[in-house]
Amino acid sequence: MRFISGSLRHVGSLVALAIGDALGAPFEGSPQPEAWVAEMRSGGRHFRKKGKVTDDTLQAIAVAESLADYRGFDPDDLVMRLIAGYRLRPAWFGPTSSAFFDLVESGTLPHQAALLVHKRRGSSRSNGSVMRGFPLGIFYSAPEVYDVSLTCSRLTHFDPVGGHCSAFLNVMVSDLCRGISRPAAFRHARSLCTDPEVRTVLGNYRQYTIVPGLDAVECSHAALSCFMESRSLEHALLLAINLGGDTDTVGACTGALAGAYWGVDAIPVRWSREVEGYDGLVELAERVWEKRADRAGGHLND
């Protein structure tokens, strides 16, 4: 295990995303647990070992690697990386993403595939595009990341609601990684949000009941609520995974926010030691952060 010091919020965001994913994975699709869960466990519908991540982390890694290798968002490269991950673990992926990847592999152009999936399923506002987008917040500053997040979401999820959920949370991660306070990051995201439903629900999160579902708005609202109402990174993640429902994705989204705010040094060592691929996640987050500086010629104020 690689030991690092300092707050390193960008590292905290990616590592805590994976930890939230791994914590929640054994309980994915389960009702709210009767006893408070506070440690990583094995089990679940995919019989995962303790500390193992799901497609949430695999897809976030794909986004991060693409950003680092191309010094920015490259949609064609990202789609290929996502498909490569899908080939490895197809059972892990949600129905919207799976249907999209199957169509693209059969020869359908990506933009046509996203629309076809949307029409065939009657919706595409699931949370699959929300969970993967957080490295965009590490790489891009807040004003820029909103539009990039919409484009990234639209690759696989035609419904714009998921994109606006992703953009809202990614703006917060971007600001938090750059040292902005939690209230200020929230207000900034709310001010930039242009979707009425997302702005209403996320912008007034205390007024809505938490439902940890597959819907992009429900999932994003649950993660945002856990993060905003918590007193520590550990508390935020435990609130998320003890909701039941889509625990791995709500945990991952909560972790991305909490890690960007409290930093990697706030992550309990017992979780850092147990999560799959810790050293690689640290190195990847550092590479994304460094490439962000290279893209700007090494002169950054954010």
C-alpha atoms as a PDB file:
ATOM      1  CA  MET A   1       0.000   0.000   0.000  1.00  0.00           C
ATOM      2  CA  ARG A   2       1.260   3.428  -0.934  1.00  0.00           C
ATOM      3  CA  PHE A   3       1.202   5.924   1.951  1.00  0.00           C
ATOM      4  CA  ILE A   4       0.732   9.599   1.106  1.00  0.00           C
ATOM      5  CA  SER A   5       0.340  12.745   3.150  1.00  0.00           C
ATOM      6  CA  GLY A   6      -1.590  15.968   2.796  1.00  0.00           C
ATOM      7  CA  SER A   7      -5.246  16.576   1.991  1.00  0.00           C
ATOM      8  CA  LEU A   8      -4.871  15.781  -1.745  1.00  0.00           C
ATOM      9  CA  ARG A   9      -8.541  16.268  -2.486  1.00  0.00           C
ATOM     10  CA  HIS A  10      -8.281  15.045  -6.073  1.00  0.00           C
ATOM     11  CA  VAL A  11      -6.818  11.757  -4.842  1.00  0.00           C
ATOM     12  CA  GLY A  12      -9.428  11.586  -2.100  1.00  0.00           C
ATOM     13  CA  SER A  13     -12.234  11.931  -4.623  1.00  0.00           C
ATOM     14  CA  LEU A  14     -11.219   8.973  -6.791  1.00  0.00           C
ATOM     15  CA  VAL A  15     -10.158   6.725  -3.909  1.00  0.00           C
ATOM     16  CA  ALA A  16     -13.280   7.441  -1.834  1.00  0.00           C
ATOM     17  CA  LEU A  17     -15.451   6.800  -4.914  1.00  0.00           C
ATOM     18  CA  ALA A  18     -13.981   3.300  -5.090  1.00  0.00           C
ATOM     19  CA  ILE A  19     -14.334   2.791  -1.342  1.00  0.00           C
ATOM     20  CA  GLY A  20     -17.979   3.838  -1.392  1.00  0.00           C
ATOM     21  CA  ASP A  21     -18.516   1.460  -4.304  1.00  0.00           C
ATOM     22  CA  ALA A  22     -16.819  -1.432  -2.496  1.00  0.00           C
ATOM     23  CA  LEU A  23     -18.635  -0.752   0.770  1.00  0.00           C
ATOM     24  CA  GLY A  24     -21.996  -0.725  -0.961  1.00  0.00           C
ATOM     25  CA  ALA A  25     -21.426  -3.550  -3.444  1.00  0.00           C
ATOM     26  CA  PRO A  26     -22.498  -6.478  -1.219  1.00  0.00           C
ATOM     27  CA  PHE A  27     -25.806  -4.744  -0.438  1.00  0.00           C
ATOM     28  CA  GLU A  28     -26.731  -3.608  -3.969  1.00  0.00           C
ATOM     29  CA  GLY A  29     -30.473  -3.985  -4.491  1.00  0.00           C
ATOM     30  CA  SER A  30     -31.115  -4.914  -0.864  1.00  0.00           C
ATOM     31  CA  PRO A  31     -33.537  -3.252   1.548  1.00  0.00           C
ATOM     32  CA  GLN A  32     -32.218  -0.951   4.236  1.00  0.00           C
ATOM     33  CA  PRO A  33     -30.190  -3.117   6.643  1.00  0.00           C
ATOM     34  CA  GLU A  34     -31.626  -3.750  10.094  1.00  0.00           C
ATOM     35  CA  ALA A  35     -28.205  -3.459  11.734  1.00  0.00           C
ATOM     36  CA  TRP A  36     -25.867  -0.542  10.991  1.00  0.00           C
ATOM     37  CA  VAL A  37     -23.135  -1.573   8.540  1.00  0.00           C
ATOM     38  CA  ALA A  38     -19.758   0.010   9.308  1.00  0.00           C
ATOM     39  CA  GLU A  39     -17.169  -2.218   7.599  1.00  0.00           C
ATOM     40  CA  MET A  40     -16.472  -3.752   4.229  1.00  0.00           C
ATOM     41  CA  ARG A  41     -18.033  -7.139   3.699  1.00  0.00           C
ATOM     42  CA  SER A  42     -18.199  -9.852   1.089  1.00  0.00           C
ATOM     43  CA  GLY A  43     -21.291 -11.193  -0.645  1.00  0.00           C
ATOM     44  CA  GLY A  44     -24.069  -9.677  -2.708  1.00  0.00           C
ATOM     45  CA  ARG A  45     -25.726 -10.826  -5.897  1.00  0.00           C
ATOM     46  CA  HIS A  46     -22.371 -11.061  -7.693  1.00  0.00           C
ATOM     47  CA  PHE A  47     -20.679 -12.799  -4.713  1.00  0.00           C
ATOM     48  CA  ARG A  48     -17.964 -10.164  -4.423  1.00  0.00           C
ATOM     49  CA  LYS A  49     -15.010 -10.486  -2.094  1.00  0.00           C
ATOM     50  CA  LYS A  50     -14.458  -7.854   0.562  1.00  0.00           C
ATOM     51  CA  GLY A  51     -13.078  -4.635  -0.920  1.00  0.00           C
ATOM     52  CA  LYS A  52     -13.861  -5.482  -4.540  1.00  0.00           C
ATOM     53  CA  VAL A  53     -15.267  -2.703  -6.710  1.00  0.00           C
ATOM     54  CA  THR A  54     -17.984  -2.765  -9.379  1.00  0.00           C
ATOM     55  CA  ASP A  55     -18.557  -1.182 -12.777  1.00  0.00           C
ATOM     56  CA  ASP A  56     -18.984   2.185 -11.023  1.00  0.00           C
ATOM     57  CA  THR A  57     -15.252   2.303 -10.330  1.00  0.00           C
ATOM     58  CA  LEU A  58     -14.299   0.609 -13.603  1.00  0.00           C
ATOM     59  CA  GLN A  59     -16.126   3.287 -15.582  1.00  0.00           C
ATOM     60  CA  ALA A  60     -14.718   6.140 -13.500  1.00  0.00           C
ATOM     61  CA  ILE A  61     -11.249   4.719 -14.097  1.00  0.00           C
ATOM     62  CA  ALA A  62     -11.952   4.653 -17.831  1.00  0.00           C
ATOM     63  CA  VAL A  63     -12.889   8.337 -17.744  1.00  0.00           C
ATOM     64  CA  ALA A  64      -9.805   9.211 -15.694  1.00  0.00           C
ATOM     65  CA  GLU A  65      -7.421   7.244 -17.918  1.00  0.00           C
ATOM     66  CA  SER A  66      -8.859   8.811 -21.055  1.00  0.00           C
ATOM     67  CA  LEU A  67      -8.522  12.317 -19.597  1.00  0.00           C
ATOM     68  CA  ALA A  68      -4.936  11.676 -18.595  1.00  0.00           C
ATOM     69  CA  ASP A  69      -3.889  10.083 -21.888  1.00  0.00           C
ATOM     70  CA  TYR A  70      -5.593  12.663 -24.119  1.00  0.00           C
ATOM     71  CA  ARG A  71      -5.203  15.695 -21.849  1.00  0.00           C
ATOM     72  CA  GLY A  72      -8.932  16.222 -22.011  1.00  0.00           C
ATOM     73  CA  PHE A  73     -12.259  14.667 -22.918  1.00  0.00           C
ATOM     74  CA  ASP A  74     -12.146  12.503 -26.050  1.00  0.00           C
ATOM     75  CA  PRO A  75     -15.541  10.847 -26.652  1.00  0.00           C
ATOM     76  CA  ASP A  76     -14.361   8.240 -29.158  1.00  0.00           C
ATOM     77  CA  ASP A  77     -11.555   7.052 -26.918  1.00  0.00           C
ATOM     78  CA  LEU A  78     -13.816   6.961 -23.866  1.00  0.00           C
ATOM     79  CA  VAL A  79     -16.471   4.851 -25.581  1.00  0.00           C
ATOM     80  CA  MET A  80     -13.822   2.295 -26.549  1.00  0.00           C
ATOM     81  CA  ARG A  81     -12.475   2.187 -22.989  1.00  0.00           C
ATOM     82  CA  LEU A  82     -15.968   1.732 -21.558  1.00  0.00           C
ATOM     83  CA  ILE A  83     -16.665  -1.097 -23.986  1.00  0.00           C
ATOM     84  CA  ALA A  84     -13.392  -2.783 -22.986  1.00  0.00           C
ATOM     85  CA  GLY A  85     -14.521  -2.734 -19.351  1.00  0.00           C
ATOM     86  CA  TYR A  86     -17.931  -4.046 -20.356  1.00  0.00           C
ATOM     87  CA  ARG A  87     -16.344  -7.003 -22.156  1.00  0.00           C
ATOM     88  CA  LEU A  88     -14.517  -7.951 -18.962  1.00  0.00           C
ATOM     89  CA  ARG A  89     -17.542  -7.839 -16.632  1.00  0.00           C
ATOM     90  CA  PRO A  90     -20.793  -7.575 -18.655  1.00  0.00           C
ATOM     91  CA  ALA A  91     -22.948  -8.796 -15.762  1.00  0.00           C
ATOM     92  CA  TRP A  92     -21.886  -5.818 -13.654  1.00  0.00           C
ATOM     93  CA  PHE A  93     -23.289  -3.152 -15.964  1.00  0.00           C
ATOM     94  CA  GLY A  94     -26.765  -1.650 -15.880  1.00  0.00           C
ATOM     95  CA  PRO A  95     -29.370  -2.269 -18.605  1.00  0.00           C
ATOM     96  CA  THR A  96     -29.047   1.107 -20.328  1.00  0.00           C
ATOM     97  CA  SER A  97     -25.264   0.988 -20.592  1.00  0.00           C
ATOM     98  CA  SER A  98     -25.287  -2.708 -21.529  1.00  0.00           C
ATOM     99  CA  ALA A  99     -27.766  -2.169 -24.348  1.00  0.00           C
ATOM    100  CA  PHE A 100     -25.701   0.753 -25.627  1.00  0.00           C
ATOM    101  CA  PHE A 101     -22.426  -1.199 -25.610  1.00  0.00           C
ATOM    102  CA  ASP A 102     -24.043  -4.176 -27.359  1.00  0.00           C
ATOM    103  CA  LEU A 103     -25.329  -1.944 -30.148  1.00  0.00           C
ATOM    104  CA  VAL A 104     -21.992  -0.185 -30.629  1.00  0.00           C
ATOM    105  CA  GLU A 105     -20.165  -3.512 -30.754  1.00  0.00           C
ATOM    106  CA  SER A 106     -22.588  -4.679 -33.431  1.00  0.00           C
ATOM    107  CA  GLY A 107     -21.724  -1.681 -35.605  1.00  0.00           C
ATOM    108  CA  THR A 108     -24.193   1.027 -34.595  1.00  0.00           C
ATOM    109  CA  LEU A 109     -22.711   4.503 -34.320  1.00  0.00           C
ATOM    110  CA  PRO A 110     -22.574   5.671 -30.674  1.00  0.00           C
ATOM    111  CA  HIS A 111     -24.905   8.664 -31.073  1.00  0.00           C
ATOM    112  CA  GLN A 112     -27.447   6.466 -32.849  1.00  0.00           C
ATOM    113  CA  ALA A 113     -27.082   3.715 -30.266  1.00  0.00           C
ATOM    114  CA  ALA A 114     -27.870   6.051 -27.360  1.00  0.00           C
ATOM    115  CA  LEU A 115     -31.072   7.210 -29.057  1.00  0.00           C
ATOM    116  CA  LEU A 116     -32.112   3.666 -29.975  1.00  0.00           C
ATOM    117  CA  VAL A 117     -31.656   2.457 -26.397  1.00  0.00           C
ATOM    118  CA  HIS A 118     -33.660   5.416 -25.132  1.00  0.00           C
ATOM    119  CA  LYS A 119     -36.527   4.672 -27.515  1.00  0.00           C
ATOM    120  CA  ARG A 120     -36.539   0.914 -26.955  1.00  0.00           C
ATOM    121  CA  ARG A 121     -36.439   1.154 -23.172  1.00  0.00           C
ATOM    122  CA  GLY A 122     -38.744   4.159 -23.007  1.00  0.00           C
ATOM    123  CA  SER A 123     -36.226   5.993 -20.819  1.00  0.00           C
ATOM    124  CA  SER A 124     -32.520   6.484 -20.248  1.00  0.00           C
ATOM    125  CA  ARG A 125     -32.426   8.553 -17.090  1.00  0.00           C
ATOM    126  CA  SER A 126     -30.705   5.910 -15.003  1.00  0.00           C
ATOM    127  CA  ASN A 127     -27.637   6.730 -12.917  1.00  0.00           C
ATOM    128  CA  GLY A 128     -25.041   4.972 -15.085  1.00  0.00           C
ATOM    129  CA  SER A 129     -23.648   8.193 -16.506  1.00  0.00           C
ATOM    130  CA  VAL A 130     -23.570   9.936 -13.119  1.00  0.00           C
ATOM    131  CA  MET A 131     -21.322   7.462 -11.334  1.00  0.00           C
ATOM    132  CA  ARG A 132     -18.541   7.556 -13.917  1.00  0.00           C
ATOM    133  CA  GLY A 133     -18.182  11.291 -14.502  1.00  0.00           C
ATOM    134  CA  PHE A 134     -16.411  12.507 -11.356  1.00  0.00           C
ATOM    135  CA  PRO A 135     -12.866  12.532 -12.810  1.00  0.00           C
ATOM    136  CA  LEU A 136     -14.153  15.288 -15.092  1.00  0.00           C
ATOM    137  CA  GLY A 137     -14.496  17.412 -11.959  1.00  0.00           C
ATOM    138  CA  ILE A 138     -10.900  16.677 -11.032  1.00  0.00           C
ATOM    139  CA  PHE A 139      -9.660  17.678 -14.481  1.00  0.00           C
ATOM    140  CA  TYR A 140     -11.869  20.644 -15.435  1.00  0.00           C
ATOM    141  CA  SER A 141     -12.673  23.830 -13.566  1.00  0.00           C
ATOM    142  CA  ALA A 142     -16.306  24.332 -12.586  1.00  0.00           C
ATOM    143  CA  PRO A 143     -17.563  26.529 -15.461  1.00  0.00           C
ATOM    144  CA  GLU A 144     -16.080  24.193 -18.074  1.00  0.00           C
ATOM    145  CA  VAL A 145     -17.003  20.909 -16.448  1.00  0.00           C
ATOM    146  CA  TYR A 146     -20.753  21.499 -16.665  1.00  0.00           C
ATOM    147  CA  ASP A 147     -20.919  21.323 -20.466  1.00  0.00           C
ATOM    148  CA  VAL A 148     -18.356  18.516 -20.684  1.00  0.00           C
ATOM    149  CA  SER A 149     -20.411  16.489 -18.196  1.00  0.00           C
ATOM    150  CA  LEU A 150     -23.522  16.861 -20.335  1.00  0.00           C
ATOM    151  CA  THR A 151     -21.632  15.632 -23.385  1.00  0.00           C
ATOM    152  CA  CYS A 152     -20.077  12.727 -21.511  1.00  0.00           C
ATOM    153  CA  SER A 153     -23.460  11.585 -20.192  1.00  0.00           C
ATOM    154  CA  ARG A 154     -25.101  11.882 -23.594  1.00  0.00           C
ATOM    155  CA  LEU A 155     -22.655   9.331 -25.034  1.00  0.00           C
ATOM    156  CA  THR A 156     -24.657   6.488 -23.476  1.00  0.00           C
ATOM    157  CA  HIS A 157     -27.729   8.073 -21.857  1.00  0.00           C
ATOM    158  CA  PHE A 158     -29.831  10.086 -24.275  1.00  0.00           C
ATOM    159  CA  ASP A 159     -32.097  11.629 -21.628  1.00  0.00           C
ATOM    160  CA  PRO A 160     -30.496  14.935 -20.554  1.00  0.00           C
ATOM    161  CA  VAL A 161     -31.587  14.606 -16.920  1.00  0.00           C
ATOM    162  CA  GLY A 162     -28.735  12.236 -16.106  1.00  0.00           C
ATOM    163  CA  GLY A 163     -26.307  14.664 -17.681  1.00  0.00           C
ATOM    164  CA  HIS A 164     -27.523  17.544 -15.557  1.00  0.00           C
ATOM    165  CA  CYS A 165     -27.287  15.409 -12.412  1.00  0.00           C
ATOM    166  CA  SER A 166     -23.733  14.490 -13.354  1.00  0.00           C
ATOM    167  CA  ALA A 167     -22.893  18.111 -14.126  1.00  0.00           C
ATOM    168  CA  PHE A 168     -24.304  19.345 -10.799  1.00  0.00           C
ATOM    169  CA  LEU A 169     -22.209  16.903  -8.769  1.00  0.00           C
ATOM    170  CA  ASN A 170     -19.124  17.335 -10.956  1.00  0.00           C
ATOM    171  CA  VAL A 171     -19.189  21.106 -10.476  1.00  0.00           C
ATOM    172  CA  MET A 172     -19.138  20.479  -6.740  1.00  0.00           C
ATOM    173  CA  VAL A 173     -16.221  18.036  -7.032  1.00  0.00           C
ATOM    174  CA  SER A 174     -14.331  20.528  -9.186  1.00  0.00           C
ATOM    175  CA  ASP A 175     -14.770  23.331  -6.680  1.00  0.00           C
ATOM    176  CA  LEU A 176     -14.089  21.108  -3.675  1.00  0.00           C
ATOM    177  CA  CYS A 177     -10.870  19.752  -5.196  1.00  0.00           C
ATOM    178  CA  ARG A 178      -9.757  23.353  -5.601  1.00  0.00           C
ATOM    179  CA  GLY A 179     -10.385  24.264  -1.972  1.00  0.00           C
ATOM    180  CA  ILE A 180     -13.832  25.847  -2.224  1.00  0.00           C
ATOM    181  CA  SER A 181     -16.038  25.405   0.844  1.00  0.00           C
ATOM    182  CA  ARG A 182     -18.880  22.911   0.880  1.00  0.00           C
ATOM    183  CA  PRO A 183     -21.683  25.541   0.987  1.00  0.00           C
ATOM    184  CA  ALA A 184     -20.043  27.624  -1.744  1.00  0.00           C
ATOM    185  CA  ALA A 185     -19.562  24.587  -4.006  1.00  0.00           C
ATOM    186  CA  PHE A 186     -23.206  23.655  -3.543  1.00  0.00           C
ATOM    187  CA  ARG A 187     -24.411  27.166  -4.319  1.00  0.00           C
ATOM    188  CA  HIS A 188     -22.198  27.320  -7.402  1.00  0.00           C
ATOM    189  CA  ALA A 189     -23.581  24.043  -8.743  1.00  0.00           C
ATOM    190  CA  ARG A 190     -27.132  25.191  -8.108  1.00  0.00           C
ATOM    191  CA  SER A 191     -26.511  28.494  -9.891  1.00  0.00           C
ATOM    192  CA  LEU A 192     -25.108  26.740 -12.982  1.00  0.00           C
ATOM    193  CA  CYS A 193     -27.823  24.075 -13.234  1.00  0.00           C
ATOM    194  CA  THR A 194     -30.186  24.665 -16.158  1.00  0.00           C
ATOM    195  CA  ASP A 195     -32.528  21.685 -15.786  1.00  0.00           C
ATOM    196  CA  PRO A 196     -35.663  22.636 -13.789  1.00  0.00           C
ATOM    197  CA  GLU A 197     -36.160  19.244 -12.147  1.00  0.00           C
ATOM    198  CA  VAL A 198     -32.532  18.741 -11.193  1.00  0.00           C
ATOM    199  CA  ARG A 199     -32.180  22.303  -9.953  1.00  0.00           C
ATOM    200  CA  THR A 200     -35.344  21.970  -7.842  1.00  0.00           C
ATOM    201  CA  VAL A 201     -34.599  18.575  -6.275  1.00  0.00           C
ATOM    202  CA  LEU A 202     -30.846  18.866  -5.782  1.00  0.00           C
ATOM    203  CA  GLY A 203     -30.953  22.583  -5.096  1.00  0.00           C
ATOM    204  CA  ASN A 204     -33.501  22.023  -2.316  1.00  0.00           C
ATOM    205  CA  TYR A 205     -32.333  18.588  -1.233  1.00  0.00           C
ATOM    206  CA  ARG A 206     -33.583  18.872   2.357  1.00  0.00           C
ATOM    207  CA  GLN A 207     -37.170  19.187   1.146  1.00  0.00           C
ATOM    208  CA  TYR A 208     -37.242  15.777  -0.553  1.00  0.00           C
ATOM    209  CA  THR A 209     -37.330  12.253   0.848  1.00  0.00           C
ATOM    210  CA  ILE A 210     -34.190  10.254   0.150  1.00  0.00           C
ATOM    211  CA  VAL A 211     -34.791   7.393  -2.283  1.00  0.00           C
ATOM    212  CA  PRO A 212     -31.559   5.502  -3.130  1.00  0.00           C
ATOM    213  CA  GLY A 213     -32.814   4.319  -6.507  1.00  0.00           C
ATOM    214  CA  LEU A 214     -31.506   3.717 -10.006  1.00  0.00           C
ATOM    215  CA  ASP A 215     -33.030   6.941 -11.302  1.00  0.00           C
ATOM    216  CA  ALA A 216     -30.386   9.607 -11.890  1.00  0.00           C
ATOM    217  CA  VAL A 217     -32.181  12.250  -9.842  1.00  0.00           C
ATOM    218  CA  GLU A 218     -32.966   9.909  -6.962  1.00  0.00           C
ATOM    219  CA  CYS A 219     -29.403   8.590  -6.801  1.00  0.00           C
ATOM    220  CA  SER A 220     -27.813  12.029  -7.075  1.00  0.00           C
ATOM    221  CA  HIS A 221     -30.160  13.441  -4.443  1.00  0.00           C
ATOM    222  CA  ALA A 222     -29.354  10.583  -2.053  1.00  0.00           C
ATOM    223  CA  ALA A 223     -25.587  11.049  -2.489  1.00  0.00           C
ATOM    224  CA  LEU A 224     -25.767  14.822  -2.183  1.00  0.00           C
ATOM    225  CA  SER A 225     -27.890  14.568   0.963  1.00  0.00           C
ATOM    226  CA  CYS A 226     -25.499  12.107   2.613  1.00  0.00           C
ATOM    227  CA  PHE A 227     -22.554  14.331   1.808  1.00  0.00           C
ATOM    228  CA  MET A 228     -24.090  17.643   2.822  1.00  0.00           C
ATOM    229  CA  GLU A 229     -25.533  16.328   6.084  1.00  0.00           C
ATOM    230  CA  SER A 230     -22.441  14.452   7.275  1.00  0.00           C
ATOM    231  CA  ARG A 231     -19.776  15.448   9.757  1.00  0.00           C
ATOM    232  CA  SER A 232     -16.921  13.411   8.235  1.00  0.00           C
ATOM    233  CA  LEU A 233     -15.988  11.359   5.216  1.00  0.00           C
ATOM    234  CA  GLU A 234     -16.549   8.145   7.124  1.00  0.00           C
ATOM    235  CA  HIS A 235     -19.947   9.332   8.324  1.00  0.00           C
ATOM    236  CA  ALA A 236     -20.979  10.303   4.775  1.00  0.00           C
ATOM    237  CA  LEU A 237     -20.111   6.909   3.319  1.00  0.00           C
ATOM    238  CA  LEU A 238     -21.807   4.994   6.103  1.00  0.00           C
ATOM    239  CA  LEU A 239     -24.953   7.074   5.724  1.00  0.00           C
ATOM    240  CA  ALA A 240     -24.958   6.217   2.006  1.00  0.00           C
ATOM    241  CA  ILE A 241     -24.500   2.464   2.212  1.00  0.00           C
ATOM    242  CA  ASN A 242     -26.974   2.074   5.061  1.00  0.00           C
ATOM    243  CA  LEU A 243     -29.797   3.454   2.937  1.00  0.00           C
ATOM    244  CA  GLY A 244     -30.218   0.190   1.048  1.00  0.00           C
ATOM    245  CA  GLY A 245     -31.224   0.290  -2.607  1.00  0.00           C
ATOM    246  CA  ASP A 246     -28.536   1.050  -5.175  1.00  0.00           C
ATOM    247  CA  THR A 247     -25.899   1.089  -2.462  1.00  0.00           C
ATOM    248  CA  ASP A 248     -22.797   0.768  -4.613  1.00  0.00           C
ATOM    249  CA  THR A 249     -23.661   3.732  -6.843  1.00  0.00           C
ATOM    250  CA  VAL A 250     -24.957   5.965  -4.061  1.00  0.00           C
ATOM    251  CA  GLY A 251     -21.834   5.023  -2.096  1.00  0.00           C
ATOM    252  CA  ALA A 252     -19.560   5.804  -5.050  1.00  0.00           C
ATOM    253  CA  CYS A 253     -21.186   9.189  -5.726  1.00  0.00           C
ATOM    254  CA  THR A 254     -21.101  10.110  -2.042  1.00  0.00           C
ATOM    255  CA  GLY A 255     -17.468   9.051  -1.851  1.00  0.00           C
ATOM    256  CA  ALA A 256     -16.459  11.197  -4.810  1.00  0.00           C
ATOM    257  CA  LEU A 257     -17.959  14.265  -3.131  1.00  0.00           C
ATOM    258  CA  ALA A 258     -16.674  13.480   0.356  1.00  0.00           C
ATOM    259  CA  GLY A 259     -13.159  12.651  -0.822  1.00  0.00           C
ATOM    260  CA  ALA A 260     -12.981  15.909  -2.772  1.00  0.00           C
ATOM    261  CA  TYR A 261     -13.938  17.822   0.372  1.00  0.00           C
ATOM    262  CA  TRP A 262     -12.094  16.078   3.212  1.00  0.00           C
ATOM    263  CA  GLY A 263      -9.185  14.729   1.169  1.00  0.00           C
ATOM    264  CA  VAL A 264      -7.451  11.384   1.082  1.00  0.00           C
ATOM    265  CA  ASP A 265      -6.019  11.731   4.584  1.00  0.00           C
ATOM    266  CA  ALA A 266      -9.552  11.594   5.984  1.00  0.00           C
ATOM    267  CA  ILE A 267     -10.119   8.093   4.615  1.00  0.00           C
ATOM    268  CA  PRO A 268      -9.889   5.473   7.372  1.00  0.00           C
ATOM    269  CA  VAL A 269      -6.758   3.364   6.920  1.00  0.00           C
ATOM    270  CA  ARG A 270      -8.732   0.164   7.354  1.00  0.00           C
ATOM    271  CA  TRP A 271     -10.681   1.013   4.183  1.00  0.00           C
ATOM    272  CA  SER A 272      -7.640   2.143   2.208  1.00  0.00           C
ATOM    273  CA  ARG A 273      -5.982  -1.186   2.961  1.00  0.00           C
ATOM    274  CA  GLU A 274      -9.010  -3.205   1.913  1.00  0.00           C
ATOM    275  CA  VAL A 275     -10.205  -1.478  -1.264  1.00  0.00           C
ATOM    276  CA  GLU A 276      -9.182  -3.067  -4.532  1.00  0.00           C
ATOM    277  CA  GLY A 277      -6.471  -1.237  -6.477  1.00  0.00           C
ATOM    278  CA  TYR A 278      -5.652   1.507  -3.984  1.00  0.00           C
ATOM    279  CA  ASP A 279      -2.165   2.301  -5.298  1.00  0.00           C
ATOM    280  CA  GLY A 280      -3.359   2.442  -8.881  1.00  0.00           C
ATOM    281  CA  LEU A 281      -6.189   4.807  -7.966  1.00  0.00           C
ATOM    282  CA  VAL A 282      -3.766   7.155  -6.200  1.00  0.00           C
ATOM    283  CA  GLU A 283      -1.416   7.193  -9.164  1.00  0.00           C
ATOM    284  CA  LEU A 284      -4.246   7.699 -11.656  1.00  0.00           C
ATOM    285  CA  ALA A 285      -5.745  10.612  -9.721  1.00  0.00           C
ATOM    286  CA  GLU A 286      -2.314  12.234  -9.560  1.00  0.00           C
ATOM    287  CA  ARG A 287      -1.872  11.745 -13.304  1.00  0.00           C
ATOM    288  CA  VAL A 288      -5.223  13.374 -14.087  1.00  0.00           C
ATOM    289  CA  TRP A 289      -4.308  16.321 -11.848  1.00  0.00           C
ATOM    290  CA  GLU A 290      -0.901  16.693 -13.474  1.00  0.00           C
ATOM    291  CA  LYS A 291      -2.295  16.522 -17.019  1.00  0.00           C
ATOM    292  CA  ARG A 292      -4.762  19.226 -16.099  1.00  0.00           C
ATOM    293  CA  ALA A 293      -1.769  21.443 -15.340  1.00  0.00           C
ATOM    294  CA  ASP A 294      -0.006  20.429 -18.564  1.00  0.00           C
ATOM    295  CA  ARG A 295      -3.110  21.331 -20.554  1.00  0.00           C
ATOM    296  CA  ALA A 296      -2.980  24.862 -19.150  1.00  0.00           C
ATOM    297  CA  GLY A 297       0.751  25.186 -19.752  1.00  0.00           C
ATOM    298  CA  GLY A 298       1.524  24.749 -16.084  1.00  0.00           C
ATOM    299  CA  HIS A 299      -0.108  28.058 -15.109  1.00  0.00           C
ATOM    300  CA  LEU A 300      -3.198  27.384 -13.050  1.00  0.00           C
ATOM    301  CA  ASN A 301      -4.992  29.467 -10.509  1.00  0.00           C
ATOM    302  CA  ASP A 302      -7.845  27.051  -9.848  1.00  0.00           C
END
